[in-house]
Amino acid sequence: MSRYTGYICVLLFALTVSCTVGPEYRRPEKVAESTSAFKEYISHVQDVTEAGGISRWWRRMQDPWMDRHVRLLIEENLQLKEAAARIEQARAQIGIEKGERLPDISLSAATRRRVQSLESLAISSGVPAVGGGMDERIYITQVEAGLSTSWQLDLFGRIKKRISAATGRYQAFRADAVALVHSLIAELARGRVALATLKRRLELTEETVESRKITLNTVERRYRLGARGISAEDVYLARENLSSAASILPDLRRQMAEQAYSLDVLMGRVPGFLNFSDITLSPLPPPQDIDVGLPAHLLDRRPDLQAAELRLIAETEEIGVAIANLYPDLTLNGNIGVQNDDFSDLIRGNGFLASLAGNILVRIFEGGRLRANIDLQEAQARELAASYARQVLSAIAEVEIALSNSRYLSERIAELEIRKTNIRKADEEAWVNYRRGLRPLVEVLELQRRRYNAEQEYLLTAQAAWNNRIALYLALGGDWLDEKPVLRPLPVPTVSDHERR
């Protein structure tokens, strides 16, 4: 055993005093500042590995349609399937990097048969041939089998850093997938709001068309009866008023079909597969008011910010990999096997061979590539750090903008509600006075247009308020009223469940 003592000492030394080079990632204590309600950004997250949590913020819409179709979206959306494949690739890459820590072991077996003349054998061995002609040939069969191993010791933590970098990228892909889920659900919610708004606008336009038909019939009847103050011009104006409203109907129906087809594709279906006309689009509840002074640490729930930080962590580990390339590599190689000219002797173990060696590789000169690679990795890490800080600032701005828009849109909706009520009363009074002969038709038609426009503007503003609320959910990474994100995956119904629905 004394001859192996040196190898054992080297191995124990490598395992006990191995060191890691390169910087360790430390999150900046303050990555951004703002003079708003979010001026103090709390730079701590619970655990970035829990990026799989999904806050079910869409339930604030109080709409069973959303619950049912969110499940279908998560099951069938093709972008999510692409993201799942990227996660699997990143997980496999971790396995590849971890495999570098373990020794490579291979089993080999070979047989060789060669022909050699006695003359060449005598020349190569230096022994004169005895008997026979020099042109005689001999046949030599050689059989061998062996087990070999090679183990590169991670003395300076290069493999460890590569594993950490691969793990960071894997977690970043997971966070990307969660961010994609939130984004797709938001797209579904916006489509749902748009579809409901279009349906209400279509109903309002159809009601307006019916109302203007009544106006036209009244004008034409009074014109035929020769009522005072009624001319052919009034008839043409009433007809134009009706046509202007009727011409809007085809475009609204086109927009509804286009929106429905977009939702089909979003849920991984062929356009026209889902019958959205059979779905009751109930009125959406008004958005709930929230306090402006939300804690800034809620931004840490945003999966896109988590993904940006995880990529920064992975790139920081790559700096350590580049630095470790400056240091020597120690590789242990071992072989054990048998070699003989006869297969039966090989089975009995005759011709036993064994070897153990240690190789040290020191890179002395590589034209500056190693130092340049360190500079490259450090520059890429600085780029990602600046990008991360920029995304944090953008996230704060998104929250501030959504909160500000929420306040202004609420004020605008309140004013439009008053306007809508007043113009409706004015329109009704003008119609009564017109039938009494106290109001000219042109003023009645103008009030009808103003009433229709006020109703449409109110609906579009309400849609904008909902879209802004959805944007606020995204900016905060989910429902701010949740104590913590839901870390369990959503229940996925079967295809038969969808078909029954």
Protein backbone atom coordinates (compact mmCIF):
# COMPACT_ATOMS: atom_id res chain seq x y z
CA MET A 1 0.00 0.00 0.00
CA SER A 2 2.98 2.30 0.45
CA ARG A 3 3.22 2.99 -3.27
CA TYR A 4 -0.36 4.33 -3.31
CA THR A 5 0.17 6.59 -0.32
CA GLY A 6 1.21 9.53 -2.50
CA TYR A 7 -1.91 9.29 -4.66
CA ILE A 8 -4.18 9.00 -1.64
CA CYS A 9 -2.60 12.05 -0.05
CA VAL A 10 -3.09 14.08 -3.22
CA LEU A 11 -6.73 13.01 -3.43
CA LEU A 12 -7.48 13.83 0.22
CA PHE A 13 -5.76 17.18 -0.12
CA ALA A 14 -7.80 18.03 -3.20
CA LEU A 15 -11.08 17.10 -1.53
CA THR A 16 -10.42 18.96 1.72
CA VAL A 17 -8.71 22.18 0.68
CA SER A 18 -10.31 22.81 -2.70
CA CYS A 19 -11.14 26.48 -3.08
CA THR A 20 -13.51 28.51 -5.24
CA VAL A 21 -12.38 31.52 -7.20
CA GLY A 22 -14.42 34.40 -8.59
CA PRO A 23 -16.92 36.81 -7.05
CA GLU A 24 -20.03 35.76 -5.14
CA TYR A 25 -23.25 37.48 -6.17
CA ARG A 26 -24.60 40.00 -3.68
CA ARG A 27 -27.82 41.77 -4.38
CA PRO A 28 -27.51 45.58 -4.23
CA GLU A 29 -29.08 47.01 -1.08
CA LYS A 30 -30.83 49.67 -3.12
CA VAL A 31 -31.09 49.12 -6.85
CA ALA A 32 -33.40 52.05 -7.55
CA GLU A 33 -34.80 55.19 -6.02
CA SER A 34 -38.04 57.00 -6.66
CA THR A 35 -39.60 60.15 -5.27
CA SER A 36 -43.05 58.55 -5.34
CA ALA A 37 -44.82 56.21 -2.97
CA PHE A 38 -42.29 53.56 -3.99
CA LYS A 39 -39.12 55.57 -3.32
CA GLU A 40 -37.72 52.93 -0.96
CA TYR A 41 -37.28 49.72 -2.88
CA ILE A 42 -36.84 46.83 -0.46
CA SER A 43 -34.22 44.60 -2.00
CA HIS A 44 -34.98 41.23 -0.46
CA VAL A 45 -36.94 38.31 -1.87
CA GLN A 46 -38.18 35.25 -0.02
CA ASP A 47 -36.73 32.57 -2.26
CA VAL A 48 -36.16 32.92 -5.95
CA THR A 49 -36.59 29.20 -6.39
CA GLU A 50 -40.27 29.65 -5.55
CA ALA A 51 -40.82 31.51 -8.81
CA GLY A 52 -43.50 28.98 -9.72
CA GLY A 53 -46.10 30.70 -7.56
CA ILE A 54 -49.08 32.07 -9.47
CA SER A 55 -51.28 34.68 -7.83
CA ARG A 56 -54.86 34.14 -9.00
CA TRP A 57 -55.57 37.81 -9.47
CA TRP A 58 -58.11 37.25 -12.25
CA ARG A 59 -60.61 36.04 -9.65
CA ARG A 60 -61.05 39.68 -8.65
CA MET A 61 -63.03 40.01 -11.87
CA GLN A 62 -65.71 37.78 -10.27
CA ASP A 63 -66.29 36.10 -13.59
CA PRO A 64 -66.74 32.29 -13.89
CA TRP A 65 -65.92 32.62 -17.61
CA MET A 66 -62.37 33.67 -16.69
CA ASP A 67 -61.87 30.77 -14.26
CA ARG A 68 -63.00 28.25 -16.85
CA HIS A 69 -60.94 29.62 -19.71
CA VAL A 70 -57.80 30.27 -17.68
CA ARG A 71 -57.61 26.53 -17.08
CA LEU A 72 -58.02 25.90 -20.80
CA LEU A 73 -55.39 28.52 -21.56
CA ILE A 74 -52.81 26.94 -19.25
CA GLU A 75 -53.46 23.50 -20.66
CA GLU A 76 -53.51 24.29 -24.37
CA ASN A 77 -51.52 27.47 -25.03
CA LEU A 78 -48.62 26.72 -27.35
CA GLN A 79 -46.35 29.43 -25.97
CA LEU A 80 -46.53 27.77 -22.56
CA LYS A 81 -45.60 24.46 -24.13
CA GLU A 82 -42.56 26.14 -25.68
CA ALA A 83 -41.63 27.58 -22.29
CA ALA A 84 -41.98 24.13 -20.69
CA ALA A 85 -39.56 22.71 -23.27
CA ARG A 86 -37.05 25.48 -22.49
CA ILE A 87 -37.27 24.63 -18.80
CA GLU A 88 -36.59 20.96 -19.54
CA GLN A 89 -33.56 21.93 -21.63
CA ALA A 90 -32.18 24.06 -18.80
CA ARG A 91 -32.77 21.24 -16.31
CA ALA A 92 -30.91 18.82 -18.57
CA GLN A 93 -28.03 21.27 -18.77
CA ILE A 94 -27.73 21.17 -14.98
CA GLY A 95 -27.41 17.39 -15.19
CA ILE A 96 -24.68 17.75 -17.80
CA GLU A 97 -22.72 20.16 -15.59
CA LYS A 98 -23.15 17.98 -12.50
CA GLY A 99 -21.83 15.01 -14.44
CA GLU A 100 -18.49 16.81 -14.73
CA ARG A 101 -17.98 16.35 -10.99
CA LEU A 102 -18.01 12.57 -11.19
CA PRO A 103 -15.36 10.29 -12.67
CA ASP A 104 -15.73 8.88 -16.15
CA ILE A 105 -15.65 5.08 -16.15
CA SER A 106 -15.51 3.04 -19.33
CA LEU A 107 -15.22 -0.65 -20.11
CA SER A 108 -13.42 -1.77 -23.23
CA ALA A 109 -12.65 -5.08 -24.93
CA ALA A 110 -10.67 -5.70 -28.09
CA THR A 111 -9.12 -8.50 -30.10
CA ARG A 112 -6.38 -8.14 -32.68
CA ARG A 113 -4.90 -10.62 -35.14
CA ARG A 114 -1.77 -9.74 -37.02
CA VAL A 115 0.52 -11.51 -39.44
CA GLN A 116 4.33 -11.18 -39.27
CA SER A 117 7.18 -12.93 -41.12
CA LEU A 118 9.97 -14.62 -39.22
CA GLU A 119 12.47 -12.30 -40.84
CA SER A 120 10.77 -9.15 -39.57
CA LEU A 121 10.28 -10.76 -36.16
CA ALA A 122 14.00 -11.62 -35.99
CA ILE A 123 14.98 -8.13 -37.01
CA SER A 124 12.68 -6.48 -34.48
CA SER A 125 13.74 -8.77 -31.64
CA GLY A 126 17.42 -9.01 -32.53
CA VAL A 127 17.33 -12.80 -32.25
CA PRO A 128 18.36 -14.93 -35.28
CA ALA A 129 15.58 -17.09 -36.62
CA VAL A 130 16.08 -20.79 -35.98
CA GLY A 131 14.74 -23.36 -38.39
CA GLY A 132 12.36 -22.87 -41.25
CA GLY A 133 12.60 -20.38 -44.05
CA MET A 134 12.89 -16.70 -43.43
CA ASP A 135 9.84 -16.14 -45.55
CA GLU A 136 7.58 -18.11 -43.24
CA ARG A 137 4.79 -16.22 -41.49
CA ILE A 138 3.41 -16.45 -38.02
CA TYR A 139 -0.07 -15.43 -36.87
CA ILE A 140 -0.43 -13.62 -33.55
CA THR A 141 -3.81 -13.15 -31.80
CA GLN A 142 -4.07 -10.68 -28.95
CA VAL A 143 -7.10 -10.37 -26.67
CA GLU A 144 -7.52 -7.66 -24.06
CA ALA A 145 -10.18 -6.27 -21.73
CA GLY A 146 -9.98 -3.38 -19.35
CA LEU A 147 -11.67 -0.86 -17.12
CA SER A 148 -10.50 2.75 -17.23
CA THR A 149 -11.44 5.84 -15.27
CA SER A 150 -10.65 9.52 -15.47
CA TRP A 151 -11.54 12.08 -12.80
CA GLN A 152 -10.88 15.80 -13.03
CA LEU A 153 -10.78 17.28 -9.54
CA ASP A 154 -12.59 20.58 -9.06
CA LEU A 155 -9.73 22.21 -7.13
CA PHE A 156 -10.71 25.81 -7.83
CA GLY A 157 -14.48 25.50 -8.10
CA ARG A 158 -14.82 25.79 -11.87
CA ILE A 159 -17.33 22.96 -12.13
CA LYS A 160 -19.16 24.21 -9.05
CA LYS A 161 -19.50 27.65 -10.66
CA ARG A 162 -20.76 26.13 -13.90
CA ILE A 163 -23.39 24.18 -11.98
CA SER A 164 -24.45 27.34 -10.17
CA ALA A 165 -24.67 29.25 -13.45
CA ALA A 166 -26.75 26.50 -15.05
CA THR A 167 -29.01 26.41 -11.99
CA GLY A 168 -29.49 30.17 -12.16
CA ARG A 169 -30.47 29.98 -15.81
CA TYR A 170 -32.86 27.12 -15.08
CA GLN A 171 -34.57 29.13 -12.35
CA ALA A 172 -34.67 32.14 -14.68
CA PHE A 173 -36.50 30.05 -17.28
CA ARG A 174 -38.98 29.00 -14.60
CA ALA A 175 -39.56 32.63 -13.66
CA ASP A 176 -39.95 33.46 -17.36
CA ALA A 177 -42.64 30.81 -17.62
CA VAL A 178 -44.54 32.29 -14.69
CA ALA A 179 -44.24 35.77 -16.20
CA LEU A 180 -45.58 34.33 -19.45
CA VAL A 181 -48.54 32.80 -17.61
CA HIS A 182 -49.39 36.17 -16.07
CA SER A 183 -48.99 37.89 -19.44
CA LEU A 184 -51.21 35.39 -21.24
CA ILE A 185 -53.88 35.55 -18.55
CA ALA A 186 -53.79 39.34 -18.81
CA GLU A 187 -54.20 39.02 -22.58
CA LEU A 188 -57.17 36.72 -22.01
CA ALA A 189 -58.67 39.16 -19.50
CA ARG A 190 -58.22 42.10 -21.88
CA GLY A 191 -59.82 40.06 -24.64
CA ARG A 192 -62.68 39.17 -22.30
CA VAL A 193 -63.21 42.86 -21.42
CA ALA A 194 -63.00 43.86 -25.09
CA LEU A 195 -65.53 41.19 -26.05
CA ALA A 196 -67.95 42.27 -23.34
CA THR A 197 -67.53 45.93 -24.29
CA LEU A 198 -68.06 45.21 -27.97
CA LYS A 199 -71.19 43.26 -27.23
CA ARG A 200 -72.60 46.12 -25.15
CA ARG A 201 -71.63 48.65 -27.83
CA LEU A 202 -73.33 46.47 -30.44
CA GLU A 203 -76.50 46.27 -28.33
CA LEU A 204 -76.40 50.04 -27.78
CA THR A 205 -75.99 50.65 -31.51
CA GLU A 206 -78.85 48.30 -32.35
CA GLU A 207 -81.04 50.16 -29.84
CA THR A 208 -79.98 53.44 -31.42
CA VAL A 209 -80.82 52.17 -34.90
CA GLU A 210 -84.31 51.17 -33.73
CA SER A 211 -84.76 54.56 -32.06
CA ARG A 212 -83.69 56.42 -35.17
CA LYS A 213 -86.06 54.31 -37.28
CA ILE A 214 -88.88 55.56 -35.09
CA THR A 215 -87.62 59.12 -35.58
CA LEU A 216 -87.49 58.65 -39.36
CA ASN A 217 -91.02 57.20 -39.46
CA THR A 218 -92.31 60.12 -37.45
CA VAL A 219 -90.61 62.69 -39.70
CA GLU A 220 -91.82 60.99 -42.89
CA ARG A 221 -95.39 60.79 -41.57
CA ARG A 222 -95.43 64.44 -40.59
CA TYR A 223 -93.97 65.39 -43.96
CA ARG A 224 -96.67 63.43 -45.82
CA LEU A 225 -99.35 65.09 -43.68
CA GLY A 226 -97.87 68.48 -44.52
CA ALA A 227 -97.12 69.47 -40.97
CA ARG A 228 -95.86 73.01 -40.51
CA GLY A 229 -92.08 73.39 -40.45
CA ILE A 230 -91.36 69.95 -42.01
CA SER A 231 -89.47 69.84 -45.30
CA ALA A 232 -87.79 67.23 -47.52
CA GLU A 233 -84.50 68.30 -46.01
CA ASP A 234 -85.71 67.03 -42.64
CA VAL A 235 -86.51 63.65 -44.18
CA TYR A 236 -83.04 63.39 -45.73
CA LEU A 237 -81.39 64.37 -42.43
CA ALA A 238 -83.38 61.72 -40.55
CA ARG A 239 -82.39 59.10 -43.10
CA GLU A 240 -78.73 60.12 -42.87
CA ASN A 241 -78.95 59.94 -39.08
CA LEU A 242 -80.26 56.39 -39.32
CA SER A 243 -77.65 55.32 -41.88
CA SER A 244 -74.78 56.70 -39.78
CA ALA A 245 -75.80 54.46 -36.88
CA ALA A 246 -76.54 51.41 -39.06
CA SER A 247 -73.15 51.70 -40.78
CA ILE A 248 -71.42 51.10 -37.43
CA LEU A 249 -73.02 47.66 -36.93
CA PRO A 250 -70.91 45.71 -39.49
CA ASP A 251 -67.67 47.07 -38.07
CA LEU A 252 -68.65 46.15 -34.50
CA ARG A 253 -69.58 42.63 -35.61
CA ARG A 254 -66.24 42.37 -37.44
CA GLN A 255 -64.37 43.44 -34.33
CA MET A 256 -66.25 40.89 -32.21
CA ALA A 257 -65.38 38.05 -34.62
CA GLU A 258 -61.74 39.15 -34.76
CA GLN A 259 -61.51 39.31 -30.98
CA ALA A 260 -63.14 35.89 -30.60
CA TYR A 261 -60.73 34.35 -33.11
CA SER A 262 -57.77 35.85 -31.25
CA LEU A 263 -58.98 34.24 -28.04
CA ASP A 264 -59.32 30.93 -29.88
CA VAL A 265 -55.67 31.04 -30.91
CA LEU A 266 -54.64 32.14 -27.43
CA MET A 267 -56.18 28.98 -26.02
CA GLY A 268 -54.58 26.77 -28.65
CA ARG A 269 -57.70 26.29 -30.73
CA VAL A 270 -58.41 26.71 -34.43
CA PRO A 271 -60.19 30.05 -35.01
CA GLY A 272 -63.91 29.48 -34.85
CA PHE A 273 -63.64 26.32 -32.71
CA LEU A 274 -65.01 27.87 -29.54
CA ASN A 275 -68.52 29.23 -29.75
CA PHE A 276 -68.21 32.54 -27.93
CA SER A 277 -71.68 33.61 -29.01
CA ASP A 278 -73.15 31.04 -26.61
CA ILE A 279 -71.24 32.50 -23.67
CA THR A 280 -73.15 34.97 -21.56
CA LEU A 281 -71.01 38.06 -21.24
CA SER A 282 -72.23 39.35 -17.92
CA PRO A 283 -71.49 42.96 -16.92
CA LEU A 284 -68.08 43.29 -15.34
CA PRO A 285 -67.97 44.52 -11.75
CA PRO A 286 -66.27 47.90 -11.23
CA PRO A 287 -62.59 47.80 -10.21
CA GLN A 288 -61.94 48.05 -6.49
CA ASP A 289 -60.19 51.10 -5.13
CA ILE A 290 -56.80 50.55 -3.52
CA ASP A 291 -54.46 52.56 -1.35
CA VAL A 292 -51.64 54.37 -3.12
CA GLY A 293 -49.13 53.61 -0.39
CA LEU A 294 -48.57 49.97 -1.25
CA PRO A 295 -45.36 48.43 0.13
CA ALA A 296 -42.60 48.49 -2.44
CA HIS A 297 -41.50 44.92 -1.68
CA LEU A 298 -44.55 43.70 -3.60
CA LEU A 299 -42.49 44.34 -6.71
CA ASP A 300 -40.32 41.42 -5.63
CA ARG A 301 -43.22 39.16 -6.54
CA ARG A 302 -42.85 40.03 -10.22
CA PRO A 303 -41.47 36.97 -12.01
CA ASP A 304 -39.84 39.04 -14.76
CA LEU A 305 -37.74 40.86 -12.14
CA GLN A 306 -36.86 37.54 -10.54
CA ALA A 307 -35.76 36.20 -13.95
CA ALA A 308 -33.58 39.28 -14.55
CA GLU A 309 -31.86 38.86 -11.19
CA LEU A 310 -31.36 35.14 -11.70
CA ARG A 311 -29.63 35.78 -15.01
CA LEU A 312 -27.40 38.29 -13.27
CA ILE A 313 -26.56 35.64 -10.66
CA ALA A 314 -25.77 33.10 -13.41
CA GLU A 315 -23.51 35.57 -15.21
CA THR A 316 -21.69 36.34 -11.95
CA GLU A 317 -20.94 32.63 -11.61
CA GLU A 318 -19.56 32.61 -15.15
CA ILE A 319 -16.90 35.11 -14.01
CA GLY A 320 -15.69 32.48 -11.53
CA VAL A 321 -15.56 29.91 -14.31
CA ALA A 322 -13.40 32.23 -16.42
CA ILE A 323 -11.05 32.93 -13.48
CA ALA A 324 -10.75 29.22 -12.67
CA ASN A 325 -9.42 28.62 -16.18
CA LEU A 326 -6.24 30.47 -15.11
CA TYR A 327 -5.42 27.79 -12.55
CA PRO A 328 -4.07 24.24 -13.06
CA ASP A 329 -6.29 21.26 -13.75
CA LEU A 330 -5.58 18.01 -11.87
CA THR A 331 -6.85 14.84 -13.50
CA LEU A 332 -6.52 11.33 -12.05
CA ASN A 333 -6.44 8.44 -14.53
CA GLY A 334 -6.66 4.75 -13.69
CA ASN A 335 -6.71 1.60 -15.77
CA ILE A 336 -7.12 -2.05 -14.84
CA GLY A 337 -7.38 -4.95 -17.23
CA VAL A 338 -5.96 -8.15 -18.70
CA GLN A 339 -4.11 -8.83 -21.93
CA ASN A 340 -3.12 -12.19 -23.40
CA ASP A 341 -2.69 -14.11 -26.60
CA ASP A 342 -5.26 -16.72 -25.61
CA PHE A 343 -8.85 -16.15 -24.60
CA SER A 344 -8.82 -18.91 -21.97
CA ASP A 345 -5.84 -17.29 -20.26
CA LEU A 346 -7.74 -14.00 -20.35
CA ILE A 347 -10.63 -15.55 -18.39
CA ARG A 348 -8.26 -17.00 -15.82
CA GLY A 349 -6.82 -13.53 -15.26
CA ASN A 350 -3.42 -14.13 -16.74
CA GLY A 351 -1.75 -11.02 -18.14
CA PHE A 352 -3.13 -8.66 -15.46
CA LEU A 353 -2.36 -4.98 -16.06
CA ALA A 354 -3.04 -1.92 -13.86
CA SER A 355 -1.99 1.71 -13.81
CA LEU A 356 -2.72 4.88 -11.81
CA ALA A 357 -1.56 8.31 -12.89
CA GLY A 358 -2.11 11.92 -12.04
CA ASN A 359 -1.90 14.68 -14.67
CA ILE A 360 -1.54 18.39 -13.97
CA LEU A 361 -2.26 20.84 -16.77
CA VAL A 362 -1.01 24.41 -16.32
CA ARG A 363 -1.93 26.95 -18.98
CA ILE A 364 1.15 29.14 -19.46
CA PHE A 365 0.41 31.08 -22.62
CA GLU A 366 -2.78 31.23 -24.69
CA GLY A 367 -2.39 34.58 -26.41
CA GLY A 368 -4.35 36.53 -23.79
CA ARG A 369 -7.57 34.61 -24.42
CA LEU A 370 -8.10 33.68 -20.77
CA ARG A 371 -7.74 37.24 -19.47
CA ALA A 372 -9.89 38.54 -22.29
CA ASN A 373 -12.57 35.97 -21.39
CA ILE A 374 -12.58 37.25 -17.81
CA ASP A 375 -13.01 40.81 -19.07
CA LEU A 376 -15.83 39.63 -21.33
CA GLN A 377 -17.71 37.88 -18.50
CA GLU A 378 -17.30 40.87 -16.20
CA ALA A 379 -18.60 43.25 -18.87
CA GLN A 380 -21.60 40.98 -19.51
CA ALA A 381 -22.32 40.90 -15.78
CA ARG A 382 -22.21 44.71 -15.64
CA GLU A 383 -24.59 44.85 -18.58
CA LEU A 384 -27.07 42.53 -16.85
CA ALA A 385 -26.75 44.51 -13.60
CA ALA A 386 -27.61 47.73 -15.41
CA SER A 387 -30.47 45.97 -17.20
CA TYR A 388 -31.79 44.63 -13.90
CA ALA A 389 -31.71 48.08 -12.29
CA ARG A 390 -33.46 49.54 -15.35
CA GLN A 391 -36.19 46.91 -15.18
CA VAL A 392 -36.74 47.67 -11.50
CA LEU A 393 -37.12 51.37 -12.28
CA SER A 394 -39.49 50.53 -15.12
CA ALA A 395 -41.51 48.30 -12.81
CA ILE A 396 -41.85 51.12 -10.28
CA ALA A 397 -42.90 53.47 -13.07
CA GLU A 398 -45.49 50.95 -14.32
CA VAL A 399 -47.05 50.77 -10.86
CA GLU A 400 -47.05 54.55 -10.49
CA ILE A 401 -48.58 55.05 -13.93
CA ALA A 402 -51.28 52.43 -13.31
CA LEU A 403 -52.15 53.97 -9.94
CA SER A 404 -52.28 57.45 -11.44
CA ASN A 405 -54.38 56.28 -14.39
CA SER A 406 -56.74 54.48 -12.03
CA ARG A 407 -57.45 57.71 -10.18
CA TYR A 408 -57.94 59.81 -13.32
CA LEU A 409 -60.04 57.18 -15.08
CA SER A 410 -62.30 56.90 -12.05
CA GLU A 411 -62.83 60.65 -12.12
CA ARG A 412 -63.51 60.58 -15.85
CA ILE A 413 -66.03 57.73 -15.52
CA ALA A 414 -67.87 59.68 -12.82
CA GLU A 415 -68.07 62.76 -15.05
CA LEU A 416 -69.15 60.69 -18.05
CA GLU A 417 -71.89 59.14 -15.92
CA ILE A 418 -73.22 62.61 -15.19
CA ARG A 419 -72.90 63.62 -18.85
CA LYS A 420 -74.69 60.49 -19.99
CA THR A 421 -77.58 61.10 -17.60
CA ASN A 422 -77.97 64.75 -18.61
CA ILE A 423 -77.79 64.16 -22.35
CA ARG A 424 -80.35 61.38 -22.06
CA LYS A 425 -82.79 63.70 -20.29
CA ALA A 426 -82.10 66.46 -22.82
CA ASP A 427 -82.73 64.06 -25.70
CA GLU A 428 -86.04 62.93 -24.22
CA GLU A 429 -87.20 66.52 -23.64
CA ALA A 430 -86.14 67.57 -27.14
CA TRP A 431 -88.11 64.71 -28.70
CA VAL A 432 -91.25 65.65 -26.79
CA ASN A 433 -90.88 69.31 -27.81
CA TYR A 434 -90.26 68.33 -31.43
CA ARG A 435 -93.51 66.37 -31.60
CA ARG A 436 -95.25 69.44 -30.20
CA GLY A 437 -93.68 71.56 -32.91
CA LEU A 438 -91.57 73.53 -30.40
CA ARG A 439 -88.12 72.24 -31.44
CA PRO A 440 -86.51 71.96 -34.90
CA LEU A 441 -85.53 68.49 -36.12
CA VAL A 442 -81.86 69.38 -36.62
CA GLU A 443 -81.46 70.01 -32.88
CA VAL A 444 -83.17 66.71 -32.06
CA LEU A 445 -80.87 64.80 -34.39
CA GLU A 446 -77.82 66.52 -32.94
CA LEU A 447 -78.84 65.54 -29.42
CA GLN A 448 -79.34 61.95 -30.55
CA ARG A 449 -75.77 61.89 -31.90
CA ARG A 450 -74.41 63.41 -28.72
CA ARG A 451 -76.29 60.86 -26.63
CA TYR A 452 -74.93 57.96 -28.69
CA ASN A 453 -71.40 59.33 -28.54
CA ALA A 454 -71.65 59.82 -24.78
CA GLU A 455 -72.79 56.22 -24.30
CA GLN A 456 -69.94 54.91 -26.50
CA GLU A 457 -67.35 57.07 -24.76
CA TYR A 458 -68.52 55.84 -21.38
CA LEU A 459 -68.15 52.19 -22.44
CA LEU A 460 -64.69 52.76 -23.95
CA THR A 461 -63.53 54.58 -20.83
CA ALA A 462 -64.82 51.74 -18.65
CA GLN A 463 -62.85 49.32 -20.86
CA ALA A 464 -59.74 51.47 -20.44
CA ALA A 465 -60.23 51.40 -16.67
CA TRP A 466 -60.38 47.60 -16.70
CA ASN A 467 -57.30 47.36 -18.91
CA ASN A 468 -55.48 49.69 -16.55
CA ARG A 469 -56.48 47.53 -13.60
CA ILE A 470 -55.12 44.46 -15.41
CA ALA A 471 -51.89 46.38 -16.05
CA LEU A 472 -51.67 47.14 -12.33
CA TYR A 473 -52.04 43.45 -11.49
CA LEU A 474 -49.17 42.69 -13.85
CA ALA A 475 -47.04 45.53 -12.50
CA LEU A 476 -47.41 44.19 -8.95
CA GLY A 477 -46.91 40.56 -9.92
CA GLY A 478 -50.45 39.50 -9.02
CA ASP A 479 -53.13 40.32 -6.49
CA TRP A 480 -51.74 42.70 -3.88
CA LEU A 481 -54.40 41.52 -1.42
CA ASP A 482 -52.87 38.02 -1.34
CA GLU A 483 -50.66 37.40 1.69
CA LYS A 484 -48.31 35.31 -0.44
CA PRO A 485 -48.37 33.89 -3.96
CA VAL A 486 -50.05 30.56 -4.56
CA LEU A 487 -47.20 28.10 -5.07
CA ARG A 488 -49.37 25.22 -6.19
CA PRO A 489 -50.02 24.68 -9.91
CA LEU A 490 -53.50 25.36 -11.21
CA PRO A 491 -55.80 22.37 -11.54
CA VAL A 492 -55.86 21.26 -15.15
CA PRO A 493 -59.19 19.87 -16.40
CA THR A 494 -59.39 17.16 -19.02
CA VAL A 495 -60.32 17.73 -22.63
CA SER A 496 -63.68 16.10 -22.07
CA ASP A 497 -64.41 18.69 -19.37
CA HIS A 498 -63.81 21.48 -21.89
CA GLU A 499 -66.02 19.83 -24.49
CA ARG A 500 -68.84 19.46 -21.96
CA ARG A 501 -68.53 23.17 -21.23
